[in-house]
All heavy atoms as atom14 arrays in JSON, in Angstrom:
{
  "sequence": "TRNPMRFFLEKHVTRAKEHAFMQAFRDRVGL",
  "atom14_mask": [
    [1, 1, 1, 1, 1, 1, 1, 0, 0, 0, 0, 0, 0, 0],
    [1, 1, 1, 1, 1, 1, 1, 1, 1, 1, 1, 0, 0, 0],
    [1, 1, 1, 1, 1, 1, 1, 1, 0, 0, 0, 0, 0, 0],
    [1, 1, 1, 1, 1, 1, 1, 0, 0, 0, 0, 0, 0, 0],
    [1, 1, 1, 1, 1, 1, 1, 1, 0, 0, 0, 0, 0, 0],
    [1, 1, 1, 1, 1, 1, 1, 1, 1, 1, 1, 0, 0, 0],
    [1, 1, 1, 1, 1, 1, 1, 1, 1, 1, 1, 0, 0, 0],
    [1, 1, 1, 1, 1, 1, 1, 1, 1, 1, 1, 0, 0, 0],
    [1, 1, 1, 1, 1, 1, 1, 1, 0, 0, 0, 0, 0, 0],
    [1, 1, 1, 1, 1, 1, 1, 1, 1, 0, 0, 0, 0, 0],
    [1, 1, 1, 1, 1, 1, 1, 1, 1, 0, 0, 0, 0, 0],
    [1, 1, 1, 1, 1, 1, 1, 1, 1, 1, 0, 0, 0, 0],
    [1, 1, 1, 1, 1, 1, 1, 0, 0, 0, 0, 0, 0, 0],
    [1, 1, 1, 1, 1, 1, 1, 0, 0, 0, 0, 0, 0, 0],
    [1, 1, 1, 1, 1, 1, 1, 1, 1, 1, 1, 0, 0, 0],
    [1, 1, 1, 1, 1, 0, 0, 0, 0, 0, 0, 0, 0, 0],
    [1, 1, 1, 1, 1, 1, 1, 1, 1, 0, 0, 0, 0, 0],
    [1, 1, 1, 1, 1, 1, 1, 1, 1, 0, 0, 0, 0, 0],
    [1, 1, 1, 1, 1, 1, 1, 1, 1, 1, 0, 0, 0, 0],
    [1, 1, 1, 1, 1, 0, 0, 0, 0, 0, 0, 0, 0, 0],
    [1, 1, 1, 1, 1, 1, 1, 1, 1, 1, 1, 0, 0, 0],
    [1, 1, 1, 1, 1, 1, 1, 1, 0, 0, 0, 0, 0, 0],
    [1, 1, 1, 1, 1, 1, 1, 1, 1, 0, 0, 0, 0, 0],
    [1, 1, 1, 1, 1, 0, 0, 0, 0, 0, 0, 0, 0, 0],
    [1, 1, 1, 1, 1, 1, 1, 1, 1, 1, 1, 0, 0, 0],
    [1, 1, 1, 1, 1, 1, 1, 1, 1, 1, 1, 0, 0, 0],
    [1, 1, 1, 1, 1, 1, 1, 1, 0, 0, 0, 0, 0, 0],
    [1, 1, 1, 1, 1, 1, 1, 1, 1, 1, 1, 0, 0, 0],
    [1, 1, 1, 1, 1, 1, 1, 0, 0, 0, 0, 0, 0, 0],
    [1, 1, 1, 1, 0, 0, 0, 0, 0, 0, 0, 0, 0, 0],
    [1, 1, 1, 1, 1, 1, 1, 1, 0, 0, 0, 0, 0, 0]
  ],
  "atom14_positions": [
    [[-9.19, -9.53, -10.26], [-10.17, -9.62, -11.37], [-9.48, -9.58, -12.72], [-8.74, -8.67, -13.03], [-11.14, -8.44, -11.22], [-11.67, -8.44, -9.94], [-12.23, -8.56, -12.25], [0.0, 0.0, 0.0], [0.0, 0.0, 0.0], [0.0, 0.0, 0.0], [0.0, 0.0, 0.0], [0.0, 0.0, 0.0], [0.0, 0.0, 0.0], [0.0, 0.0, 0.0]],
    [[-9.68, -10.6, -13.48], [-9.02, -10.67, -14.81], [-9.54, -9.59, -15.79], [-8.8, -9.02, -16.56], [-9.22, -12.06, -15.42], [-8.5, -13.18, -14.69], [-8.69, -14.49, -15.39], [-7.94, -15.53, -14.75], [-6.67, -15.81, -14.97], [-6.05, -15.16, -15.88], [-6.11, -16.84, -14.33], [0.0, 0.0, 0.0], [0.0, 0.0, 0.0], [0.0, 0.0, 0.0]],
    [[-10.85, -9.38, -15.73], [-11.49, -8.38, -16.63], [-12.08, -7.31, -15.8], [-13.22, -7.46, -15.27], [-12.53, -9.12, -17.47], [-11.96, -10.17, -18.34], [-11.02, -9.96, -19.11], [-12.49, -11.41, -18.18], [0.0, 0.0, 0.0], [0.0, 0.0, 0.0], [0.0, 0.0, 0.0], [0.0, 0.0, 0.0], [0.0, 0.0, 0.0], [0.0, 0.0, 0.0]],
    [[-11.39, -6.17, -15.62], [-11.91, -5.06, -14.75], [-13.28, -4.63, -15.25], [-13.57, -4.55, -16.42], [-10.85, -4.01, -14.9], [-9.62, -4.73, -15.29], [-10.05, -5.85, -16.19], [0.0, 0.0, 0.0], [0.0, 0.0, 0.0], [0.0, 0.0, 0.0], [0.0, 0.0, 0.0], [0.0, 0.0, 0.0], [0.0, 0.0, 0.0], [0.0, 0.0, 0.0]],
    [[-14.13, -4.17, -14.3], [-15.46, -3.68, -14.54], [-15.43, -2.17, -14.21], [-14.98, -1.79, -13.13], [-16.49, -4.41, -13.73], [-17.91, -3.89, -13.9], [-19.08, -4.71, -12.75], [-18.69, -3.84, -11.21], [0.0, 0.0, 0.0], [0.0, 0.0, 0.0], [0.0, 0.0, 0.0], [0.0, 0.0, 0.0], [0.0, 0.0, 0.0], [0.0, 0.0, 0.0]],
    [[-16.01, -1.37, -15.05], [-16.17, 0.05, -14.81], [-17.48, 0.29, -14.09], [-18.52, -0.29, -14.39], [-16.17, 0.82, -16.14], [-16.31, 2.32, -16.06], [-16.08, 2.94, -17.45], [-16.33, 4.31, -17.55], [-17.48, 4.85, -18.01], [-18.51, 4.09, -18.36], [-17.62, 6.17, -18.0], [0.0, 0.0, 0.0], [0.0, 0.0, 0.0], [0.0, 0.0, 0.0]],
    [[-17.41, 1.1, -13.05], [-18.58, 1.42, -12.31], [-18.44, 2.81, -11.66], [-17.41, 3.47, -11.88], [-18.82, 0.38, -11.16], [-17.78, 0.35, -10.11], [-17.94, 0.97, -8.93], [-16.56, -0.38, -10.33], [-16.99, 0.99, -7.9], [-15.57, -0.39, -9.31], [-15.79, 0.32, -8.15], [0.0, 0.0, 0.0], [0.0, 0.0, 0.0], [0.0, 0.0, 0.0]],
    [[-19.5, 3.26, -10.94], [-19.47, 4.63, -10.45], [-19.74, 4.63, -8.91], [-20.62, 3.87, -8.42], [-20.54, 5.48, -11.12], [-20.3, 5.58, -12.63], [-21.27, 5.03, -13.45], [-19.25, 6.24, -13.15], [-21.05, 5.1, -14.81], [-19.04, 6.35, -14.54], [-20.02, 5.8, -15.4], [0.0, 0.0, 0.0], [0.0, 0.0, 0.0], [0.0, 0.0, 0.0]],
    [[-19.04, 5.5, -8.28], [-19.4, 5.82, -6.84], [-20.08, 7.2, -6.86], [-20.01, 7.92, -7.86], [-18.14, 5.88, -5.96], [-17.3, 4.58, -5.95], [-16.12, 4.81, -5.06], [-18.14, 3.38, -5.48], [0.0, 0.0, 0.0], [0.0, 0.0, 0.0], [0.0, 0.0, 0.0], [0.0, 0.0, 0.0], [0.0, 0.0, 0.0], [0.0, 0.0, 0.0]],
    [[-20.68, 7.56, -5.75], [-21.26, 8.82, -5.63], [-20.25, 9.86, -5.1], [-19.74, 9.69, -3.91], [-22.5, 8.8, -4.72], [-23.17, 10.24, -4.71], [-24.47, 10.16, -3.87], [-24.93, 9.1, -3.51], [-24.97, 11.28, -3.59], [0.0, 0.0, 0.0], [0.0, 0.0, 0.0], [0.0, 0.0, 0.0], [0.0, 0.0, 0.0], [0.0, 0.0, 0.0]],
    [[-19.93, 10.87, -5.89], [-18.91, 11.83, -5.47], [-19.34, 12.56, -4.19], [-20.53, 12.87, -3.97], [-18.77, 12.84, -6.63], [-17.47, 13.67, -6.57], [-17.31, 14.59, -7.78], [-17.06, 13.74, -9.03], [-16.8, 14.66, -10.2], [0.0, 0.0, 0.0], [0.0, 0.0, 0.0], [0.0, 0.0, 0.0], [0.0, 0.0, 0.0], [0.0, 0.0, 0.0]],
    [[-18.4, 12.82, -3.32], [-18.55, 13.5, -2.02], [-19.36, 12.72, -1.02], [-19.62, 13.28, 0.03], [-19.18, 14.89, -2.26], [-18.55, 15.72, -3.29], [-17.18, 15.96, -3.34], [-19.01, 16.3, -4.46], [-16.84, 16.69, -4.4], [-17.96, 16.89, -5.08], [0.0, 0.0, 0.0], [0.0, 0.0, 0.0], [0.0, 0.0, 0.0], [0.0, 0.0, 0.0]],
    [[-19.68, 11.42, -1.31], [-20.41, 10.64, -0.35], [-19.74, 9.32, -0.12], [-19.34, 9.0, 1.01], [-21.92, 10.4, -0.85], [-22.59, 9.5, 0.1], [-22.66, 11.74, -0.94], [0.0, 0.0, 0.0], [0.0, 0.0, 0.0], [0.0, 0.0, 0.0], [0.0, 0.0, 0.0], [0.0, 0.0, 0.0], [0.0, 0.0, 0.0], [0.0, 0.0, 0.0]],
    [[-19.61, 8.52, -1.17], [-19.14, 7.13, -1.0], [-17.8, 7.01, -0.41], [-17.48, 6.19, 0.47], [-19.2, 6.4, -2.3], [-20.42, 6.67, -3.0], [-19.17, 4.85, -2.1], [0.0, 0.0, 0.0], [0.0, 0.0, 0.0], [0.0, 0.0, 0.0], [0.0, 0.0, 0.0], [0.0, 0.0, 0.0], [0.0, 0.0, 0.0], [0.0, 0.0, 0.0]],
    [[-16.81, 7.81, -0.86], [-15.44, 7.72, -0.35], [-15.35, 8.32, 1.09], [-14.53, 7.92, 1.87], [-14.49, 8.42, -1.28], [-14.42, 7.68, -2.61], [-13.4, 8.24, -3.58], [-11.99, 7.81, -3.12], [-11.03, 8.63, -2.67], [-11.29, 9.86, -2.57], [-9.87, 8.16, -2.33], [0.0, 0.0, 0.0], [0.0, 0.0, 0.0], [0.0, 0.0, 0.0]],
    [[-16.22, 9.31, 1.36], [-16.25, 9.8, 2.72], [-16.68, 8.72, 3.68], [-16.14, 8.51, 4.8], [-17.18, 10.98, 2.85], [0.0, 0.0, 0.0], [0.0, 0.0, 0.0], [0.0, 0.0, 0.0], [0.0, 0.0, 0.0], [0.0, 0.0, 0.0], [0.0, 0.0, 0.0], [0.0, 0.0, 0.0], [0.0, 0.0, 0.0], [0.0, 0.0, 0.0]],
    [[-17.67, 7.94, 3.22], [-18.14, 6.79, 4.01], [-17.1, 5.74, 4.17], [-16.88, 5.2, 5.24], [-19.4, 6.22, 3.34], [-19.8, 4.89, 3.85], [-20.99, 4.3, 3.07], [-21.37, 2.92, 3.5], [-22.45, 2.36, 2.7], [0.0, 0.0, 0.0], [0.0, 0.0, 0.0], [0.0, 0.0, 0.0], [0.0, 0.0, 0.0], [0.0, 0.0, 0.0]],
    [[-16.36, 5.49, 3.09], [-15.3, 4.44, 3.14], [-14.21, 4.85, 4.17], [-13.8, 4.02, 4.99], [-14.66, 4.3, 1.71], [-13.58, 3.27, 1.64], [-14.18, 1.9, 1.54], [-15.39, 1.71, 1.59], [-13.34, 0.94, 1.48], [0.0, 0.0, 0.0], [0.0, 0.0, 0.0], [0.0, 0.0, 0.0], [0.0, 0.0, 0.0], [0.0, 0.0, 0.0]],
    [[-13.8, 6.07, 4.13], [-12.78, 6.54, 5.12], [-13.29, 6.44, 6.5], [-12.57, 6.06, 7.44], [-12.37, 7.96, 4.79], [-11.51, 8.09, 3.61], [-10.15, 7.76, 3.62], [-11.74, 8.6, 2.32], [-9.63, 7.96, 2.43], [-10.56, 8.49, 1.65], [0.0, 0.0, 0.0], [0.0, 0.0, 0.0], [0.0, 0.0, 0.0], [0.0, 0.0, 0.0]],
    [[-14.56, 6.74, 6.71], [-15.12, 6.7, 8.11], [-15.17, 5.28, 8.62], [-14.8, 5.03, 9.77], [-16.55, 7.32, 8.09], [0.0, 0.0, 0.0], [0.0, 0.0, 0.0], [0.0, 0.0, 0.0], [0.0, 0.0, 0.0], [0.0, 0.0, 0.0], [0.0, 0.0, 0.0], [0.0, 0.0, 0.0], [0.0, 0.0, 0.0], [0.0, 0.0, 0.0]],
    [[-15.6, 4.29, 7.74], [-15.72, 2.99, 8.23], [-14.31, 2.28, 8.34], [-14.06, 1.46, 9.19], [-16.61, 2.13, 7.29], [-18.05, 2.28, 7.66], [-18.76, 3.36, 7.21], [-18.7, 1.34, 8.42], [-20.13, 3.49, 7.47], [-20.06, 1.49, 8.74], [-20.79, 2.55, 8.27], [0.0, 0.0, 0.0], [0.0, 0.0, 0.0], [0.0, 0.0, 0.0]],
    [[-13.39, 2.72, 7.44], [-11.98, 2.23, 7.63], [-11.45, 2.66, 8.9], [-10.65, 1.92, 9.61], [-11.19, 2.7, 6.43], [-11.44, 1.98, 5.13], [-11.06, 0.2, 5.18], [-9.31, 0.28, 5.47], [0.0, 0.0, 0.0], [0.0, 0.0, 0.0], [0.0, 0.0, 0.0], [0.0, 0.0, 0.0], [0.0, 0.0, 0.0], [0.0, 0.0, 0.0]],
    [[-11.7, 3.91, 9.31], [-11.22, 4.32, 10.63], [-11.84, 3.62, 11.78], [-11.22, 3.29, 12.78], [-11.4, 5.88, 10.79], [-10.75, 6.43, 12.01], [-9.27, 6.12, 12.07], [-8.53, 6.27, 11.16], [-8.76, 5.67, 13.26], [0.0, 0.0, 0.0], [0.0, 0.0, 0.0], [0.0, 0.0, 0.0], [0.0, 0.0, 0.0], [0.0, 0.0, 0.0]],
    [[-13.1, 3.22, 11.58], [-13.79, 2.43, 12.59], [-13.1, 1.05, 12.69], [-13.0, 0.52, 13.86], [-15.25, 2.25, 12.21], [0.0, 0.0, 0.0], [0.0, 0.0, 0.0], [0.0, 0.0, 0.0], [0.0, 0.0, 0.0], [0.0, 0.0, 0.0], [0.0, 0.0, 0.0], [0.0, 0.0, 0.0], [0.0, 0.0, 0.0], [0.0, 0.0, 0.0]],
    [[-12.65, 0.54, 11.64], [-11.9, -0.7, 11.62], [-10.61, -0.54, 12.4], [-10.25, -1.34, 13.24], [-11.61, -1.16, 10.21], [-10.7, -2.36, 10.02], [-11.09, -3.59, 10.49], [-9.48, -2.24, 9.46], [-10.27, -4.75, 10.38], [-8.65, -3.3, 9.34], [-9.01, -4.55, 9.81], [0.0, 0.0, 0.0], [0.0, 0.0, 0.0], [0.0, 0.0, 0.0]],
    [[-9.84, 0.53, 12.11], [-8.56, 0.8, 12.75], [-8.8, 1.09, 14.22], [-7.89, 0.76, 15.07], [-7.88, 1.98, 12.11], [-7.47, 1.7, 10.69], [-6.83, 2.9, 9.97], [-6.45, 2.59, 8.62], [-6.96, 3.17, 7.57], [-7.92, 4.13, 7.68], [-6.52, 2.89, 6.33], [0.0, 0.0, 0.0], [0.0, 0.0, 0.0], [0.0, 0.0, 0.0]],
    [[-9.93, 1.6, 14.62], [-10.21, 1.9, 16.0], [-10.16, 0.62, 16.88], [-9.92, 0.66, 18.03], [-11.67, 2.51, 16.18], [-11.69, 3.94, 15.71], [-10.66, 4.62, 15.51], [-12.82, 4.4, 15.46], [0.0, 0.0, 0.0], [0.0, 0.0, 0.0], [0.0, 0.0, 0.0], [0.0, 0.0, 0.0], [0.0, 0.0, 0.0], [0.0, 0.0, 0.0]],
    [[-10.41, -0.52, 16.2], [-10.41, -1.74, 16.96], [-9.1, -2.15, 17.53], [-9.01, -2.93, 18.5], [-10.93, -2.93, 16.03], [-12.4, -2.71, 15.66], [-12.87, -3.86, 14.78], [-14.3, -3.69, 14.48], [-14.99, -4.54, 13.67], [-14.38, -5.54, 13.07], [-16.27, -4.33, 13.43], [0.0, 0.0, 0.0], [0.0, 0.0, 0.0], [0.0, 0.0, 0.0]],
    [[-7.98, -1.61, 17.02], [-6.67, -1.88, 17.62], [-6.1, -0.54, 18.18], [-4.97, -0.59, 18.66], [-5.68, -2.52, 16.62], [-5.97, -3.99, 16.39], [-5.66, -1.76, 15.33], [0.0, 0.0, 0.0], [0.0, 0.0, 0.0], [0.0, 0.0, 0.0], [0.0, 0.0, 0.0], [0.0, 0.0, 0.0], [0.0, 0.0, 0.0], [0.0, 0.0, 0.0]],
    [[-6.79, 0.54, 18.03], [-6.27, 1.79, 18.65], [-5.51, 2.66, 17.72], [-4.85, 3.61, 18.19], [0.0, 0.0, 0.0], [0.0, 0.0, 0.0], [0.0, 0.0, 0.0], [0.0, 0.0, 0.0], [0.0, 0.0, 0.0], [0.0, 0.0, 0.0], [0.0, 0.0, 0.0], [0.0, 0.0, 0.0], [0.0, 0.0, 0.0], [0.0, 0.0, 0.0]],
    [[-5.49, 2.36, 16.42], [-4.75, 3.25, 15.48], [-5.55, 4.54, 15.24], [-6.65, 4.51, 14.7], [-4.51, 2.46, 14.19], [-3.95, 3.31, 12.99], [-2.67, 3.99, 13.37], [-3.79, 2.47, 11.75], [0.0, 0.0, 0.0], [0.0, 0.0, 0.0], [0.0, 0.0, 0.0], [0.0, 0.0, 0.0], [0.0, 0.0, 0.0], [0.0, 0.0, 0.0]]
  ]
}
């Protein structure tokens, strides 16, 4: 992105969700 945009996530929720779904992605190869 040439011009970064400032935005907000929900503290204690959104990043927990991100980590959970990222691990679900890694589960597909057994990591």
